Amino acid sequence: MERILSALPFILLAACTSPFGSSGPELKVRTEQEEYVANPIGFVSPVGFSVKNEGDESIYLPHCGEVIVAVDRREGGDWRQAYGGGSLCLAINTSGPLEVQPGDSVRSVVSVGEPGRYRIRVRATDGPDSSRFHETVSNTFTVEYSPMD
């Protein structure tokens, strides 16, 4: 019993360690602007963003024509997923893991149609077939309706 208890801290430490190491991959997710405008008659605002690999090893992003992301909306004091996170990929789109080598960036776009404060959440893996992932969030940005003339 004493051996089990003495091993417990190492077991707990291993369970809390990221598969990418202590800090995860070095990703920077950034929107092209901090404010966007959507038309209140149903048009959405395209939000351009980039994902830069600032680490020493390649990372892989899910993609189906564009990088697949989740968009979180600030509600009260909490972030709640508002859009995305998964996608039905049509055959006309290229799909599969998108490799981003060290120092490289990819640009993508996501559409947001309601006013609010948002952030983009990107999930990266350490290999094209890996199930180990790390999530990184972007800066926050706002979407407002344009005034009707």
C-alpha atoms as a PDB file:
ATOM      1  CA  MET A   1       0.000   0.000   0.000  1.00  0.00           C
ATOM      2  CA  GLU A   2       2.866   2.363   0.838  1.00  0.00           C
ATOM      3  CA  ARG A   3       4.346   1.863  -2.672  1.00  0.00           C
ATOM      4  CA  ILE A   4       1.026   2.795  -4.278  1.00  0.00           C
ATOM      5  CA  LEU A   5       0.739   5.978  -2.218  1.00  0.00           C
ATOM      6  CA  SER A   6       4.335   6.988  -2.973  1.00  0.00           C
ATOM      7  CA  ALA A   7       3.701   6.540  -6.721  1.00  0.00           C
ATOM      8  CA  LEU A   8       0.465   8.566  -6.628  1.00  0.00           C
ATOM      9  CA  PRO A   9       2.089  12.015  -7.142  1.00  0.00           C
ATOM     10  CA  PHE A  10       3.862  10.767 -10.305  1.00  0.00           C
ATOM     11  CA  ILE A  11       0.655   9.268 -11.667  1.00  0.00           C
ATOM     12  CA  LEU A  12      -1.209  12.531 -11.060  1.00  0.00           C
ATOM     13  CA  LEU A  13       1.605  14.564 -12.632  1.00  0.00           C
ATOM     14  CA  ALA A  14       1.562  12.375 -15.752  1.00  0.00           C
ATOM     15  CA  ALA A  15      -2.228  12.764 -16.029  1.00  0.00           C
ATOM     16  CA  CYS A  16      -1.897  16.564 -15.967  1.00  0.00           C
ATOM     17  CA  THR A  17       0.903  16.820 -18.513  1.00  0.00           C
ATOM     18  CA  SER A  18       0.033  17.999 -22.008  1.00  0.00           C
ATOM     19  CA  PRO A  19       0.916  15.565 -24.795  1.00  0.00           C
ATOM     20  CA  PHE A  20       2.757  18.506 -26.389  1.00  0.00           C
ATOM     21  CA  GLY A  21       4.902  19.098 -23.315  1.00  0.00           C
ATOM     22  CA  SER A  22       4.276  21.481 -20.463  1.00  0.00           C
ATOM     23  CA  SER A  23       3.146  24.438 -22.541  1.00  0.00           C
ATOM     24  CA  GLY A  24       1.730  22.887 -25.702  1.00  0.00           C
ATOM     25  CA  PRO A  25       2.545  23.995 -29.227  1.00  0.00           C
ATOM     26  CA  GLU A  26       3.504  27.609 -29.733  1.00  0.00           C
ATOM     27  CA  LEU A  27       0.564  28.850 -31.802  1.00  0.00           C
ATOM     28  CA  LYS A  28      -0.534  32.415 -32.324  1.00  0.00           C
ATOM     29  CA  VAL A  29      -4.112  32.939 -33.515  1.00  0.00           C
ATOM     30  CA  ARG A  30      -4.932  36.488 -34.541  1.00  0.00           C
ATOM     31  CA  THR A  31      -7.880  38.121 -36.292  1.00  0.00           C
ATOM     32  CA  GLU A  32      -7.160  40.677 -39.010  1.00  0.00           C
ATOM     33  CA  GLN A  33      -9.273  43.313 -37.232  1.00  0.00           C
ATOM     34  CA  GLU A  34     -10.705  43.845 -33.780  1.00  0.00           C
ATOM     35  CA  GLU A  35     -14.065  45.164 -35.015  1.00  0.00           C
ATOM     36  CA  TYR A  36     -16.336  43.806 -37.754  1.00  0.00           C
ATOM     37  CA  VAL A  37     -19.688  44.910 -39.146  1.00  0.00           C
ATOM     38  CA  ALA A  38     -22.621  42.651 -40.086  1.00  0.00           C
ATOM     39  CA  ASN A  39     -25.733  43.709 -41.965  1.00  0.00           C
ATOM     40  CA  PRO A  40     -28.869  43.222 -39.792  1.00  0.00           C
ATOM     41  CA  ILE A  41     -30.837  41.810 -42.751  1.00  0.00           C
ATOM     42  CA  GLY A  42     -29.053  38.490 -42.520  1.00  0.00           C
ATOM     43  CA  PHE A  43     -25.675  39.126 -44.030  1.00  0.00           C
ATOM     44  CA  VAL A  44     -22.721  37.875 -42.046  1.00  0.00           C
ATOM     45  CA  SER A  45     -19.345  39.390 -41.432  1.00  0.00           C
ATOM     46  CA  PRO A  46     -16.373  37.414 -42.756  1.00  0.00           C
ATOM     47  CA  VAL A  47     -13.724  37.369 -40.034  1.00  0.00           C
ATOM     48  CA  GLY A  48     -10.243  36.809 -41.430  1.00  0.00           C
ATOM     49  CA  PHE A  49      -7.672  35.259 -39.116  1.00  0.00           C
ATOM     50  CA  SER A  50      -4.246  33.681 -39.199  1.00  0.00           C
ATOM     51  CA  VAL A  51      -2.667  30.792 -37.322  1.00  0.00           C
ATOM     52  CA  LYS A  52       1.109  30.994 -36.953  1.00  0.00           C
ATOM     53  CA  ASN A  53       3.285  28.113 -35.787  1.00  0.00           C
ATOM     54  CA  GLU A  54       5.880  29.758 -33.546  1.00  0.00           C
ATOM     55  CA  GLY A  55       7.220  26.405 -32.336  1.00  0.00           C
ATOM     56  CA  ASP A  56       9.996  24.068 -33.443  1.00  0.00           C
ATOM     57  CA  GLU A  57       7.833  21.240 -34.836  1.00  0.00           C
ATOM     58  CA  SER A  58       5.051  20.996 -37.414  1.00  0.00           C
ATOM     59  CA  ILE A  59       1.468  21.159 -36.207  1.00  0.00           C
ATOM     60  CA  TYR A  60      -1.655  19.966 -38.015  1.00  0.00           C
ATOM     61  CA  LEU A  61      -4.985  21.776 -38.248  1.00  0.00           C
ATOM     62  CA  PRO A  62      -8.332  20.246 -39.255  1.00  0.00           C
ATOM     63  CA  HIS A  63      -9.491  21.741 -42.497  1.00  0.00           C
ATOM     64  CA  CYS A  64     -12.242  21.525 -45.090  1.00  0.00           C
ATOM     65  CA  GLY A  65     -11.622  24.297 -47.615  1.00  0.00           C
ATOM     66  CA  GLU A  66     -10.963  26.586 -44.615  1.00  0.00           C
ATOM     67  CA  VAL A  67      -9.440  25.799 -41.226  1.00  0.00           C
ATOM     68  CA  ILE A  68     -12.141  24.268 -39.013  1.00  0.00           C
ATOM     69  CA  VAL A  69     -12.525  26.323 -35.829  1.00  0.00           C
ATOM     70  CA  ALA A  70     -15.002  26.998 -33.072  1.00  0.00           C
ATOM     71  CA  VAL A  71     -16.175  30.549 -32.404  1.00  0.00           C
ATOM     72  CA  ASP A  72     -16.978  31.422 -28.792  1.00  0.00           C
ATOM     73  CA  ARG A  73     -19.244  34.296 -27.781  1.00  0.00           C
ATOM     74  CA  ARG A  74     -18.929  36.171 -24.505  1.00  0.00           C
ATOM     75  CA  GLU A  75     -22.143  35.872 -22.499  1.00  0.00           C
ATOM     76  CA  GLY A  76     -22.042  37.510 -19.105  1.00  0.00           C
ATOM     77  CA  GLY A  77     -18.748  36.391 -17.614  1.00  0.00           C
ATOM     78  CA  ASP A  78     -18.477  33.148 -19.600  1.00  0.00           C
ATOM     79  CA  TRP A  79     -17.395  32.061 -23.079  1.00  0.00           C
ATOM     80  CA  ARG A  80     -19.962  29.858 -24.861  1.00  0.00           C
ATOM     81  CA  GLN A  81     -19.528  28.170 -28.214  1.00  0.00           C
ATOM     82  CA  ALA A  82     -21.602  30.054 -30.783  1.00  0.00           C
ATOM     83  CA  TYR A  83     -20.465  28.565 -34.108  1.00  0.00           C
ATOM     84  CA  GLY A  84     -18.464  25.730 -35.576  1.00  0.00           C
ATOM     85  CA  GLY A  85     -16.349  23.130 -33.935  1.00  0.00           C
ATOM     86  CA  GLY A  86     -17.205  20.553 -36.559  1.00  0.00           C
ATOM     87  CA  SER A  87     -18.109  20.498 -40.164  1.00  0.00           C
ATOM     88  CA  LEU A  88     -19.765  18.440 -42.849  1.00  0.00           C
ATOM     89  CA  CYS A  89     -17.146  18.533 -45.567  1.00  0.00           C
ATOM     90  CA  LEU A  90     -18.475  18.547 -49.120  1.00  0.00           C
ATOM     91  CA  ALA A  91     -16.531  16.561 -51.714  1.00  0.00           C
ATOM     92  CA  ILE A  92     -15.717  19.726 -53.671  1.00  0.00           C
ATOM     93  CA  ASN A  93     -13.532  20.986 -50.787  1.00  0.00           C
ATOM     94  CA  THR A  94     -10.027  19.809 -49.996  1.00  0.00           C
ATOM     95  CA  SER A  95      -9.935  18.281 -46.556  1.00  0.00           C
ATOM     96  CA  GLY A  96      -7.740  16.468 -44.081  1.00  0.00           C
ATOM     97  CA  PRO A  97      -5.052  17.634 -41.688  1.00  0.00           C
ATOM     98  CA  LEU A  98      -3.293  20.788 -42.864  1.00  0.00           C
ATOM     99  CA  GLU A  99       0.414  20.841 -41.939  1.00  0.00           C
ATOM    100  CA  VAL A 100       1.832  24.123 -40.677  1.00  0.00           C
ATOM    101  CA  GLN A 101       5.601  23.985 -40.461  1.00  0.00           C
ATOM    102  CA  PRO A 102       7.624  25.944 -37.888  1.00  0.00           C
ATOM    103  CA  GLY A 103       7.576  29.658 -38.676  1.00  0.00           C
ATOM    104  CA  ASP A 104       4.748  29.329 -41.212  1.00  0.00           C
ATOM    105  CA  SER A 105       1.246  30.820 -41.051  1.00  0.00           C
ATOM    106  CA  VAL A 106      -2.070  29.950 -42.631  1.00  0.00           C
ATOM    107  CA  ARG A 107      -4.886  32.409 -43.289  1.00  0.00           C
ATOM    108  CA  SER A 108      -8.506  31.428 -43.083  1.00  0.00           C
ATOM    109  CA  VAL A 109     -11.933  32.975 -42.633  1.00  0.00           C
ATOM    110  CA  VAL A 110     -15.033  32.273 -40.559  1.00  0.00           C
ATOM    111  CA  SER A 111     -18.438  33.984 -40.771  1.00  0.00           C
ATOM    112  CA  VAL A 112     -20.188  35.544 -37.784  1.00  0.00           C
ATOM    113  CA  GLY A 113     -23.698  36.968 -38.127  1.00  0.00           C
ATOM    114  CA  GLU A 114     -24.778  38.321 -34.762  1.00  0.00           C
ATOM    115  CA  PRO A 115     -23.500  41.274 -32.774  1.00  0.00           C
ATOM    116  CA  GLY A 116     -21.341  40.433 -29.798  1.00  0.00           C
ATOM    117  CA  ARG A 117     -17.872  39.869 -28.443  1.00  0.00           C
ATOM    118  CA  TYR A 118     -16.114  36.773 -29.803  1.00  0.00           C
ATOM    119  CA  ARG A 119     -12.923  34.748 -29.951  1.00  0.00           C
ATOM    120  CA  ILE A 120     -11.777  31.966 -32.279  1.00  0.00           C
ATOM    121  CA  ARG A 121     -10.703  28.606 -30.843  1.00  0.00           C
ATOM    122  CA  VAL A 122      -8.268  26.513 -32.916  1.00  0.00           C
ATOM    123  CA  ARG A 123      -7.446  22.867 -32.234  1.00  0.00           C
ATOM    124  CA  ALA A 124      -4.027  21.585 -33.373  1.00  0.00           C
ATOM    125  CA  THR A 125      -2.520  18.106 -33.295  1.00  0.00           C
ATOM    126  CA  ASP A 126       1.107  16.976 -33.363  1.00  0.00           C
ATOM    127  CA  GLY A 127       0.650  14.620 -36.329  1.00  0.00           C
ATOM    128  CA  PRO A 128      -1.725  13.989 -39.244  1.00  0.00           C
ATOM    129  CA  ASP A 129      -3.216  10.917 -37.540  1.00  0.00           C
ATOM    130  CA  SER A 130      -2.774  12.019 -33.941  1.00  0.00           C
ATOM    131  CA  SER A 131      -5.622  12.180 -31.450  1.00  0.00           C
ATOM    132  CA  ARG A 132      -3.546  14.322 -29.079  1.00  0.00           C
ATOM    133  CA  PHE A 133      -4.604  17.944 -29.409  1.00  0.00           C
ATOM    134  CA  HIS A 134      -4.111  21.372 -27.958  1.00  0.00           C
ATOM    135  CA  GLU A 135      -6.519  24.309 -28.203  1.00  0.00           C
ATOM    136  CA  THR A 136      -5.423  27.914 -28.615  1.00  0.00           C
ATOM    137  CA  VAL A 137      -7.678  30.983 -28.607  1.00  0.00           C
ATOM    138  CA  SER A 138      -7.393  34.210 -30.562  1.00  0.00           C
ATOM    139  CA  ASN A 139      -7.635  37.764 -29.442  1.00  0.00           C
ATOM    140  CA  THR A 140     -11.178  38.950 -28.798  1.00  0.00           C
ATOM    141  CA  PHE A 141     -13.099  40.820 -31.470  1.00  0.00           C
ATOM    142  CA  THR A 142     -16.514  42.428 -31.770  1.00  0.00           C
ATOM    143  CA  VAL A 143     -19.226  42.255 -34.400  1.00  0.00           C
ATOM    144  CA  GLU A 144     -21.778  45.053 -34.644  1.00  0.00           C
ATOM    145  CA  TYR A 145     -24.698  45.668 -36.989  1.00  0.00           C
ATOM    146  CA  SER A 146     -24.263  48.369 -39.576  1.00  0.00           C
ATOM    147  CA  PRO A 147     -26.825  51.170 -39.379  1.00  0.00           C
ATOM    148  CA  MET A 148     -29.658  50.937 -41.902  1.00  0.00           C
ATOM    149  CA  ASP A 149     -29.932  53.916 -44.260  1.00  0.00           C
END
